[in-house]
PDB file of N, CA and C in Angstrom:
ATOM      1  N   TYR A   1       3.173   5.679 -23.549  1.00  0.00           N
ATOM      2  CA  TYR A   1       2.383   6.645 -22.753  1.00  0.00           C
ATOM      3  C   TYR A   1       3.209   7.872 -22.633  1.00  0.00           C
ATOM      4  N   SER A   2       3.273   8.564 -23.860  1.00  0.00           N
ATOM      5  CA  SER A   2       3.945  10.293 -23.999  1.00  0.00           C
ATOM      6  C   SER A   2       3.272  11.157 -23.689  1.00  0.00           C
ATOM      7  N   LYS A   3       4.000  12.051 -22.622  1.00  0.00           N
ATOM      8  CA  LYS A   3       3.930  13.489 -21.870  1.00  0.00           C
ATOM      9  C   LYS A   3       2.268  14.459 -23.128  1.00  0.00           C
ATOM     10  N   ARG A   4       2.631  13.908 -23.689  1.00  0.00           N
ATOM     11  CA  ARG A   4       1.450  14.848 -25.188  1.00  0.00           C
ATOM     12  C   ARG A   4      -0.099  13.880 -25.048  1.00  0.00           C
ATOM     13  N   ALA A   5       0.466  12.718 -24.296  1.00  0.00           N
ATOM     14  CA  ALA A   5      -1.229  11.783 -24.366  1.00  0.00           C
ATOM     15  C   ALA A   5      -1.183  12.477 -23.483  1.00  0.00           C
ATOM     16  N   MET A   6      -0.893  12.153 -22.016  1.00  0.00           N
ATOM     17  CA  MET A   6      -1.266  12.432 -20.671  1.00  0.00           C
ATOM     18  C   MET A   6      -1.700  13.546 -20.630  1.00  0.00           C
ATOM     19  N   ALA A   7      -1.096  14.626 -21.701  1.00  0.00           N
ATOM     20  CA  ALA A   7      -1.918  15.958 -21.575  1.00  0.00           C
ATOM     21  C   ALA A   7      -3.162  15.899 -21.844  1.00  0.00           C
ATOM     22  N   ALA A   8      -3.262  15.596 -22.662  1.00  0.00           N
ATOM     23  CA  ALA A   8      -4.817  15.343 -24.409  1.00  0.00           C
ATOM     24  C   ALA A   8      -5.655  14.778 -23.553  1.00  0.00           C
ATOM     25  N   ASP A   9      -5.020  13.327 -22.521  1.00  0.00           N
ATOM     26  CA  ASP A   9      -5.820  13.012 -21.035  1.00  0.00           C
ATOM     27  C   ASP A   9      -6.474  13.790 -20.681  1.00  0.00           C
ATOM     28  N   VAL A  10      -5.728  15.150 -20.491  1.00  0.00           N
ATOM     29  CA  VAL A  10      -6.050  15.977 -18.880  1.00  0.00           C
ATOM     30  C   VAL A  10      -6.755  16.754 -19.757  1.00  0.00           C
ATOM     31  N   VAL A  11      -6.336  17.331 -20.559  1.00  0.00           N
ATOM     32  CA  VAL A  11      -8.156  18.019 -21.294  1.00  0.00           C
ATOM     33  C   VAL A  11      -9.204  17.722 -21.074  1.00  0.00           C
ATOM     34  N   SER A  12      -8.844  16.404 -22.155  1.00  0.00           N
ATOM     35  CA  SER A  12     -10.266  15.592 -22.382  1.00  0.00           C
ATOM     36  C   SER A  12     -11.278  15.258 -20.823  1.00  0.00           C
ATOM     37  N   VAL A  13     -10.303  14.652 -19.732  1.00  0.00           N
ATOM     38  CA  VAL A  13     -11.066  14.741 -18.543  1.00  0.00           C
ATOM     39  C   VAL A  13     -11.718  15.326 -18.497  1.00  0.00           C
ATOM     40  N   ALA A  14     -10.758  16.892 -18.039  1.00  0.00           N
ATOM     41  CA  ALA A  14     -11.852  18.325 -17.686  1.00  0.00           C
ATOM     42  C   ALA A  14     -12.426  19.065 -18.308  1.00  0.00           C
ATOM     43  N   SER A  15     -12.961  18.810 -20.034  1.00  0.00           N
ATOM     44  CA  SER A  15     -13.910  19.061 -20.885  1.00  0.00           C
ATOM     45  C   SER A  15     -15.195  18.313 -20.401  1.00  0.00           C
ATOM     46  N   ARG A  16     -15.192  16.909 -19.694  1.00  0.00           N
ATOM     47  CA  ARG A  16     -16.145  16.567 -19.708  1.00  0.00           C
ATOM     48  C   ARG A  16     -16.256  16.625 -18.688  1.00  0.00           C
ATOM     49  N   LEU A  17     -15.828  16.867 -17.473  1.00  0.00           N
ATOM     50  CA  LEU A  17     -16.321  17.532 -15.955  1.00  0.00           C
ATOM     51  C   LEU A  17     -16.832  19.132 -16.480  1.00  0.00           C
ATOM     52  N   GLY A  18     -17.141  19.151 -18.272  1.00  0.00           N
ATOM     53  CA  GLY A  18     -17.380  20.713 -17.345  1.00  0.00           C
ATOM     54  C   GLY A  18     -16.602  21.900 -17.760  1.00  0.00           C
ATOM     55  N   CYS A  19     -15.296  21.918 -17.334  1.00  0.00           N
ATOM     56  CA  CYS A  19     -13.858  22.877 -17.540  1.00  0.00           C
ATOM     57  C   CYS A  19     -13.802  22.904 -18.394  1.00  0.00           C
ATOM     58  N   GLU A  20     -13.941  23.818 -19.114  1.00  0.00           N
ATOM     59  CA  GLU A  20     -13.261  23.725 -20.733  1.00  0.00           C
ATOM     60  C   GLU A  20     -12.095  24.843 -20.715  1.00  0.00           C
ATOM     61  N   GLN A  21     -12.129  25.563 -19.520  1.00  0.00           N
ATOM     62  CA  GLN A  21     -10.188  26.170 -19.085  1.00  0.00           C
ATOM     63  C   GLN A  21     -10.101  26.116 -17.908  1.00  0.00           C
ATOM     64  N   PHE A  22      -9.249  25.861 -17.353  1.00  0.00           N
ATOM     65  CA  PHE A  22      -8.479  25.787 -15.894  1.00  0.00           C
ATOM     66  C   PHE A  22      -7.370  25.723 -16.198  1.00  0.00           C
ATOM     67  N   ALA A  23      -7.590  26.073 -14.635  1.00  0.00           N
ATOM     68  CA  ALA A  23      -5.348  26.308 -13.957  1.00  0.00           C
ATOM     69  C   ALA A  23      -4.814  25.102 -13.792  1.00  0.00           C
ATOM     70  N   LEU A  24      -3.767  24.564 -13.884  1.00  0.00           N
ATOM     71  CA  LEU A  24      -2.746  23.300 -14.293  1.00  0.00           C
ATOM     72  C   LEU A  24      -1.373  23.371 -12.838  1.00  0.00           C
ATOM     73  N   VAL A  25      -1.829  22.608 -12.434  1.00  0.00           N
ATOM     74  CA  VAL A  25      -0.716  22.658 -11.804  1.00  0.00           C
ATOM     75  C   VAL A  25       0.343  21.540 -11.738  1.00  0.00           C
ATOM     76  N   GLY A  26       0.833  20.933 -12.294  1.00  0.00           N
ATOM     77  CA  GLY A  26       1.886  19.357 -12.000  1.00  0.00           C
ATOM     78  C   GLY A  26       3.257  19.747 -11.014  1.00  0.00           C
ATOM     79  N   HIS A  27       3.343  18.096 -10.690  1.00  0.00           N
ATOM     80  CA  HIS A  27       4.676  18.179  -9.500  1.00  0.00           C
ATOM     81  C   HIS A  27       5.387  16.875 -10.222  1.00  0.00           C
ATOM     82  N   ASP A  28       6.574  17.469 -10.543  1.00  0.00           N
ATOM     83  CA  ASP A  28       8.163  15.546 -11.092  1.00  0.00           C
ATOM     84  C   ASP A  28       7.247  15.840 -11.766  1.00  0.00           C
ATOM     85  N   ARG A  29       7.061  14.471 -12.609  1.00  0.00           N
ATOM     86  CA  ARG A  29       6.923  14.066 -13.927  1.00  0.00           C
ATOM     87  C   ARG A  29       5.744  14.847 -14.423  1.00  0.00           C
ATOM     88  N   GLY A  30       5.050  15.120 -13.628  1.00  0.00           N
ATOM     89  CA  GLY A  30       3.603  15.841 -13.590  1.00  0.00           C
ATOM     90  C   GLY A  30       3.891  16.631 -14.282  1.00  0.00           C
ATOM     91  N   ALA A  31       4.767  17.734 -14.194  1.00  0.00           N
ATOM     92  CA  ALA A  31       5.044  18.300 -14.404  1.00  0.00           C
ATOM     93  C   ALA A  31       5.044  18.710 -16.020  1.00  0.00           C
ATOM     94  N   LEU A  32       5.819  17.685 -16.036  1.00  0.00           N
ATOM     95  CA  LEU A  32       6.061  18.193 -17.940  1.00  0.00           C
ATOM     96  C   LEU A  32       4.759  17.587 -18.217  1.00  0.00           C
ATOM     97  N   VAL A  33       3.984  16.573 -18.099  1.00  0.00           N
ATOM     98  CA  VAL A  33       3.050  16.671 -18.229  1.00  0.00           C
ATOM     99  C   VAL A  33       1.998  18.178 -18.777  1.00  0.00           C
ATOM    100  N   ALA A  34       1.876  18.897 -17.116  1.00  0.00           N
ATOM    101  CA  ALA A  34       1.281  20.107 -17.261  1.00  0.00           C
ATOM    102  C   ALA A  34       1.977  20.582 -18.232  1.00  0.00           C
ATOM    103  N   PHE A  35       3.256  20.937 -18.089  1.00  0.00           N
ATOM    104  CA  PHE A  35       4.542  21.865 -19.298  1.00  0.00           C
ATOM    105  C   PHE A  35       3.371  21.857 -20.528  1.00  0.00           C
ATOM    106  N   ARG A  36       3.235  20.419 -21.390  1.00  0.00           N
ATOM    107  CA  ARG A  36       2.625  19.731 -22.206  1.00  0.00           C
ATOM    108  C   ARG A  36       1.594  20.522 -22.386  1.00  0.00           C
ATOM    109  N   ALA A  37       0.725  20.142 -21.662  1.00  0.00           N
ATOM    110  CA  ALA A  37      -0.504  20.424 -21.946  1.00  0.00           C
ATOM    111  C   ALA A  37      -0.658  22.146 -21.781  1.00  0.00           C
ATOM    112  N   GLY A  38      -0.024  22.931 -20.996  1.00  0.00           N
ATOM    113  CA  GLY A  38      -0.343  24.453 -21.659  1.00  0.00           C
ATOM    114  C   GLY A  38       0.243  24.768 -23.013  1.00  0.00           C
ATOM    115  N   LEU A  39       1.426  24.012 -23.261  1.00  0.00           N
ATOM    116  CA  LEU A  39       2.466  24.399 -24.573  1.00  0.00           C
ATOM    117  C   LEU A  39       0.559  23.782 -25.476  1.00  0.00           C
ATOM    118  N   ASP A  40      -0.124  22.623 -25.630  1.00  0.00           N
ATOM    119  CA  ASP A  40      -0.734  22.097 -26.758  1.00  0.00           C
ATOM    120  C   ASP A  40      -1.904  22.311 -26.500  1.00  0.00           C
ATOM    121  N   HIS A  41      -2.447  22.915 -25.613  1.00  0.00           N
ATOM    122  CA  HIS A  41      -3.985  23.633 -25.090  1.00  0.00           C
ATOM    123  C   HIS A  41      -3.773  25.109 -24.819  1.00  0.00           C
ATOM    124  N   PRO A  42      -2.962  26.253 -24.878  1.00  0.00           N
ATOM    125  CA  PRO A  42      -2.775  27.216 -24.867  1.00  0.00           C
ATOM    126  C   PRO A  42      -4.559  28.015 -24.366  1.00  0.00           C
ATOM    127  N   GLU A  43      -5.565  27.647 -25.098  1.00  0.00           N
ATOM    128  CA  GLU A  43      -6.898  28.341 -25.156  1.00  0.00           C
ATOM    129  C   GLU A  43      -7.609  27.617 -24.001  1.00  0.00           C
ATOM    130  N   THR A  44      -7.168  26.713 -23.335  1.00  0.00           N
ATOM    131  CA  THR A  44      -7.755  25.663 -22.283  1.00  0.00           C
ATOM    132  C   THR A  44      -7.127  26.340 -20.705  1.00  0.00           C
ATOM    133  N   VAL A  45      -5.423  25.878 -20.906  1.00  0.00           N
ATOM    134  CA  VAL A  45      -5.087  26.117 -19.598  1.00  0.00           C
ATOM    135  C   VAL A  45      -4.332  27.748 -19.848  1.00  0.00           C
ATOM    136  N   THR A  46      -4.793  27.902 -18.856  1.00  0.00           N
ATOM    137  CA  THR A  46      -5.248  29.506 -18.057  1.00  0.00           C
ATOM    138  C   THR A  46      -3.899  29.808 -17.342  1.00  0.00           C
ATOM    139  N   HIS A  47      -3.606  29.276 -16.667  1.00  0.00           N
ATOM    140  CA  HIS A  47      -3.043  29.276 -15.902  1.00  0.00           C
ATOM    141  C   HIS A  47      -1.508  28.111 -15.154  1.00  0.00           C
ATOM    142  N   LEU A  48      -0.161  28.205 -15.149  1.00  0.00           N
ATOM    143  CA  LEU A  48       0.053  27.008 -14.665  1.00  0.00           C
ATOM    144  C   LEU A  48       0.972  27.238 -14.018  1.00  0.00           C
ATOM    145  N   GLY A  49       1.422  25.958 -12.829  1.00  0.00           N
ATOM    146  CA  GLY A  49       2.064  25.953 -11.799  1.00  0.00           C
ATOM    147  C   GLY A  49       2.907  24.426 -11.859  1.00  0.00           C
ATOM    148  N   ILE A  50       4.576  24.349 -12.093  1.00  0.00           N
ATOM    149  CA  ILE A  50       4.996  23.648 -12.424  1.00  0.00           C
ATOM    150  C   ILE A  50       5.811  23.930 -10.734  1.00  0.00           C
ATOM    151  N   LEU A  51       6.194  22.095 -10.258  1.00  0.00           N
ATOM    152  CA  LEU A  51       6.818  21.942  -9.371  1.00  0.00           C
ATOM    153  C   LEU A  51       7.854  21.398  -9.365  1.00  0.00           C
ATOM    154  N   ASP A  52       8.644  21.147  -8.876  1.00  0.00           N
ATOM    155  CA  ASP A  52       9.585  20.571  -8.661  1.00  0.00           C
ATOM    156  C   ASP A  52      10.343  19.321  -9.675  1.00  0.00           C
ATOM    157  N   VAL A  53      10.801  19.770 -10.678  1.00  0.00           N
ATOM    158  CA  VAL A  53      11.039  19.104 -11.860  1.00  0.00           C
ATOM    159  C   VAL A  53      12.592  19.742 -12.661  1.00  0.00           C
ATOM    160  N   VAL A  54      12.874  18.498 -12.774  1.00  0.00           N
ATOM    161  CA  VAL A  54      14.290  18.501 -12.894  1.00  0.00           C
ATOM    162  C   VAL A  54      14.115  18.850 -14.622  1.00  0.00           C
ATOM    163  N   PRO A  55      14.828  19.747 -15.688  1.00  0.00           N
ATOM    164  CA  PRO A  55      14.064  20.482 -17.065  1.00  0.00           C
ATOM    165  C   PRO A  55      14.898  18.723 -17.694  1.00  0.00           C
ATOM    166  N   THR A  56      14.176  18.340 -18.254  1.00  0.00           N
ATOM    167  CA  THR A  56      14.773  17.021 -19.379  1.00  0.00           C
ATOM    168  C   THR A  56      15.442  16.727 -20.143  1.00  0.00           C
ATOM    169  N   LEU A  57      16.504  17.880 -20.575  1.00  0.00           N
ATOM    170  CA  LEU A  57      17.851  17.848 -21.429  1.00  0.00           C
ATOM    171  C   LEU A  57      18.760  17.496 -20.575  1.00  0.00           C
ATOM    172  N   ASP A  58      18.258  18.760 -19.045  1.00  0.00           N
ATOM    173  CA  ASP A  58      19.729  18.912 -18.084  1.00  0.00           C
ATOM    174  C   ASP A  58      19.779  16.885 -17.305  1.00  0.00           C
ATOM    175  N   MET A  59      18.586  16.779 -17.263  1.00  0.00           N
ATOM    176  CA  MET A  59      18.629  15.479 -16.543  1.00  0.00           C
ATOM    177  C   MET A  59      19.054  14.110 -17.819  1.00  0.00           C
ATOM    178  N   TRP A  60      18.883  14.314 -19.480  1.00  0.00           N
ATOM    179  CA  TRP A  60      19.693  13.266 -19.700  1.00  0.00           C
ATOM    180  C   TRP A  60      20.874  14.119 -19.773  1.00  0.00           C
ATOM    181  N   ASN A  61      21.372  14.903 -19.841  1.00  0.00           N
ATOM    182  CA  ASN A  61      22.891  15.401 -19.796  1.00  0.00           C
ATOM    183  C   ASN A  61      23.593  14.667 -18.479  1.00  0.00           C
ATOM    184  N   VAL A  62      22.958  14.330 -17.672  1.00  0.00           N
ATOM    185  CA  VAL A  62      23.582  14.359 -16.166  1.00  0.00           C
ATOM    186  C   VAL A  62      23.688  12.146 -15.610  1.00  0.00           C
ATOM    187  N   LEU A  63      22.399  12.266 -16.158  1.00  0.00           N
ATOM    188  CA  LEU A  63      21.989  10.240 -16.588  1.00  0.00           C
ATOM    189  C   LEU A  63      23.335  10.035 -17.506  1.00  0.00           C
ATOM    190  N   GLN A  64      24.574   9.492 -16.611  1.00  0.00           N
ATOM    191  CA  GLN A  64      25.754   8.682 -17.424  1.00  0.00           C
ATOM    192  C   GLN A  64      26.388   7.525 -16.285  1.00  0.00           C
ATOM    193  N   GLY A  65      26.794   7.170 -16.453  1.00  0.00           N
ATOM    194  CA  GLY A  65      27.663   6.360 -15.447  1.00  0.00           C
ATOM    195  C   GLY A  65      26.391   5.126 -14.480  1.00  0.00           C
ATOM    196  N   ARG A  66      27.444   5.267 -12.697  1.00  0.00           N
ATOM    197  CA  ARG A  66      26.374   4.750 -11.692  1.00  0.00           C
ATOM    198  C   ARG A  66      24.703   5.764 -12.043  1.00  0.00           C
ATOM    199  N   SER A  67      24.796   6.647 -12.282  1.00  0.00           N
ATOM    200  CA  SER A  67      23.139   7.313 -12.055  1.00  0.00           C
ATOM    201  C   SER A  67      22.636   6.731 -13.454  1.00  0.00           C
ATOM    202  N   ALA A  68      22.932   6.601 -14.472  1.00  0.00           N
ATOM    203  CA  ALA A  68      22.221   5.983 -15.226  1.00  0.00           C
ATOM    204  C   ALA A  68      22.210   4.319 -15.329  1.00  0.00           C
ATOM    205  N   ALA A  69      22.932   3.968 -14.365  1.00  0.00           N
ATOM    206  CA  ALA A  69      23.166   2.138 -14.188  1.00  0.00           C
ATOM    207  C   ALA A  69      21.566   2.179 -13.765  1.00  0.00           C
ATOM    208  N   VAL A  70      21.479   3.206 -12.203  1.00  0.00           N
ATOM    209  CA  VAL A  70      20.710   3.186 -11.358  1.00  0.00           C
ATOM    210  C   VAL A  70      19.032   3.877 -11.832  1.00  0.00           C
ATOM    211  N   GLY A  71      18.797   5.051 -13.005  1.00  0.00           N
ATOM    212  CA  GLY A  71      17.758   5.047 -13.495  1.00  0.00           C
ATOM    213  C   GLY A  71      17.637   4.622 -15.081  1.00  0.00           C
ATOM    214  N   TYR A  72      18.289   3.573 -14.993  1.00  0.00           N
ATOM    215  CA  TYR A  72      17.728   2.468 -17.220  1.00  0.00           C
ATOM    216  C   TYR A  72      16.522   2.728 -16.985  1.00  0.00           C
ATOM    217  N   HIS A  73      15.511   2.378 -15.730  1.00  0.00           N
ATOM    218  CA  HIS A  73      14.045   2.168 -16.266  1.00  0.00           C
ATOM    219  C   HIS A  73      13.440   3.429 -16.916  1.00  0.00           C
ATOM    220  N   LEU A  74      14.396   4.503 -16.707  1.00  0.00           N
ATOM    221  CA  LEU A  74      13.923   5.962 -17.807  1.00  0.00           C
ATOM    222  C   LEU A  74      14.013   6.207 -19.062  1.00  0.00           C
ATOM    223  N   PHE A  75      15.253   5.278 -19.592  1.00  0.00           N
ATOM    224  CA  PHE A  75      15.816   4.957 -21.224  1.00  0.00           C
ATOM    225  C   PHE A  75      14.676   3.811 -21.736  1.00  0.00           C
ATOM    226  N   LEU A  76      14.417   3.280 -20.705  1.00  0.00           N
ATOM    227  CA  LEU A  76      13.490   2.171 -21.008  1.00  0.00           C
ATOM    228  C   LEU A  76      11.968   2.417 -21.249  1.00  0.00           C
ATOM    229  N   MET A  77      11.906   3.368 -21.494  1.00  0.00           N
ATOM    230  CA  MET A  77      10.324   4.011 -21.082  1.00  0.00           C
ATOM    231  C   MET A  77      10.952   5.097 -22.055  1.00  0.00           C
ATOM    232  N   ALA A  78      11.460   5.318 -22.798  1.00  0.00           N
ATOM    233  CA  ALA A  78      11.891   6.361 -23.484  1.00  0.00           C
ATOM    234  C   ALA A  78      11.807   5.450 -24.797  1.00  0.00           C
ATOM    235  N   GLN A  79      11.927   4.245 -24.724  1.00  0.00           N
ATOM    236  CA  GLN A  79      12.082   3.386 -26.407  1.00  0.00           C
ATOM    237  C   GLN A  79      10.651   3.448 -26.964  1.00  0.00           C
ATOM    238  N   PRO A  80      10.215   3.161 -28.258  1.00  0.00           N
ATOM    239  CA  PRO A  80       9.528   3.432 -29.195  1.00  0.00           C
ATOM    240  C   PRO A  80       8.075   2.465 -28.397  1.00  0.00           C
ATOM    241  N   ALA A  81       7.001   2.671 -28.331  1.00  0.00           N
ATOM    242  CA  ALA A  81       5.932   2.259 -27.963  1.00  0.00           C
ATOM    243  C   ALA A  81       5.776   1.201 -28.318  1.00  0.00           C
ATOM    244  N   GLY A  82       5.343   0.138 -27.470  1.00  0.00           N
ATOM    245  CA  GLY A  82       4.901  -0.835 -26.648  1.00  0.00           C
ATOM    246  C   GLY A  82       6.201  -1.744 -27.007  1.00  0.00           C
ATOM    247  N   LEU A  83       7.595  -1.309 -27.285  1.00  0.00           N
ATOM    248  CA  LEU A  83       8.946  -2.203 -26.225  1.00  0.00           C
ATOM    249  C   LEU A  83       8.995  -2.125 -24.918  1.00  0.00           C
ATOM    250  N   PRO A  84       8.464  -0.694 -24.714  1.00  0.00           N
ATOM    251  CA  PRO A  84       8.988  -1.115 -23.113  1.00  0.00           C
ATOM    252  C   PRO A  84       8.155  -1.795 -22.298  1.00  0.00           C
ATOM    253  N   GLU A  85       6.299  -1.835 -22.369  1.00  0.00           N
ATOM    254  CA  GLU A  85       5.551  -2.812 -22.534  1.00  0.00           C
ATOM    255  C   GLU A  85       5.536  -3.830 -22.015  1.00  0.00           C
ATOM    256  N   THR A  86       6.050  -3.795 -23.595  1.00  0.00           N
ATOM    257  CA  THR A  86       5.829  -6.119 -23.631  1.00  0.00           C
ATOM    258  C   THR A  86       7.294  -6.233 -23.072  1.00  0.00           C
ATOM    259  N   MET A  87       8.590  -5.648 -22.183  1.00  0.00           N
ATOM    260  CA  MET A  87       9.770  -6.400 -21.556  1.00  0.00           C
ATOM    261  C   MET A  87       9.065  -6.268 -20.345  1.00  0.00           C
ATOM    262  N   ILE A  88       8.505  -5.311 -19.893  1.00  0.00           N
ATOM    263  CA  ILE A  88       7.900  -5.485 -18.589  1.00  0.00           C
ATOM    264  C   ILE A  88       7.110  -6.275 -18.350  1.00  0.00           C
ATOM    265  N   ALA A  89       6.142  -6.584 -19.687  1.00  0.00           N
ATOM    266  CA  ALA A  89       4.616  -7.510 -19.081  1.00  0.00           C
ATOM    267  C   ALA A  89       5.336  -8.823 -19.343  1.00  0.00           C
ATOM    268  N   ASN A  90       6.786  -9.327 -19.855  1.00  0.00           N
ATOM    269  CA  ASN A  90       7.010 -10.015 -19.667  1.00  0.00           C
ATOM    270  C   ASN A  90       8.082 -10.930 -18.308  1.00  0.00           C
ATOM    271  N   SER A  91       8.289  -9.582 -17.988  1.00  0.00           N
ATOM    272  CA  SER A  91       9.284  -9.926 -16.649  1.00  0.00           C
ATOM    273  C   SER A  91       8.825  -8.932 -15.057  1.00  0.00           C
ATOM    274  N   ALA A  92       7.281  -8.913 -15.236  1.00  0.00           N
ATOM    275  CA  ALA A  92       7.388  -7.601 -14.481  1.00  0.00           C
ATOM    276  C   ALA A  92       7.620  -7.467 -12.523  1.00  0.00           C
ATOM    277  N   ASP A  93       7.580  -8.868 -12.769  1.00  0.00           N
ATOM    278  CA  ASP A  93       8.570  -8.971 -11.093  1.00  0.00           C
ATOM    279  C   ASP A  93       9.862  -8.332 -11.126  1.00  0.00           C
ATOM    280  N   ALA A  94      10.164  -8.848 -11.851  1.00  0.00           N
ATOM    281  CA  ALA A  94      11.921  -8.580 -12.015  1.00  0.00           C
ATOM    282  C   ALA A  94      11.943  -7.109 -12.215  1.00  0.00           C
ATOM    283  N   PHE A  95      10.963  -7.232 -12.815  1.00  0.00           N
ATOM    284  CA  PHE A  95      11.482  -5.035 -13.247  1.00  0.00           C
ATOM    285  C   PHE A  95      11.034  -4.855 -12.472  1.00  0.00           C
ATOM    286  N   PHE A  96      10.094  -4.318 -11.783  1.00  0.00           N
ATOM    287  CA  PHE A  96       9.694  -3.666 -10.683  1.00  0.00           C
ATOM    288  C   PHE A  96      10.518  -3.968  -9.380  1.00  0.00           C
ATOM    289  N   GLY A  97      11.003  -5.218  -9.327  1.00  0.00           N
ATOM    290  CA  GLY A  97      11.909  -5.372  -8.011  1.00  0.00           C
ATOM    291  C   GLY A  97      13.231  -5.213  -8.128  1.00  0.00           C
ATOM    292  N   SER A  98      13.127  -4.915  -9.518  1.00  0.00           N
ATOM    293  CA  SER A  98      14.906  -4.264  -9.676  1.00  0.00           C
ATOM    294  C   SER A  98      15.170  -3.166  -8.895  1.00  0.00           C
ATOM    295  N   PHE A  99      14.090  -1.538  -8.544  1.00  0.00           N
ATOM    296  CA  PHE A  99      14.580  -0.524  -8.336  1.00  0.00           C
ATOM    297  C   PHE A  99      13.317  -0.707  -7.230  1.00  0.00           C
ATOM    298  N   LEU A 100      12.504  -1.442  -7.082  1.00  0.00           N
ATOM    299  CA  LEU A 100      11.872  -0.498  -5.810  1.00  0.00           C
ATOM    300  C   LEU A 100      11.735  -1.511  -4.571  1.00  0.00           C
ATOM    301  N   ASP A 101      13.246  -2.172  -5.041  1.00  0.00           N
ATOM    302  CA  ASP A 101      13.657  -3.124  -3.576  1.00  0.00           C
ATOM    303  C   ASP A 101      13.485  -2.740  -2.657  1.00  0.00           C
TER     304      ASP A 101
END
């Protein structure tokens, strides 16, 4: 479920609610969705607020060693569509228990 797909969903839901133009604020990963919505839908997103997000390229550059081991799920989620979902569905308790414990 890419940031682009989530941004398109945000715009679609807003449109169905009668909002053809709107300001959008995103926090953390939601900031990346909001940013994508602003890029892909400049005629719709009139103002954009981005809060508390690590720039993606910076994040990928520092995720090495111990921090990469702790954030392995981020790398899993970046794999081709369907693969992460299949792997998680086959061992959801172990997957979520490994970092939500």
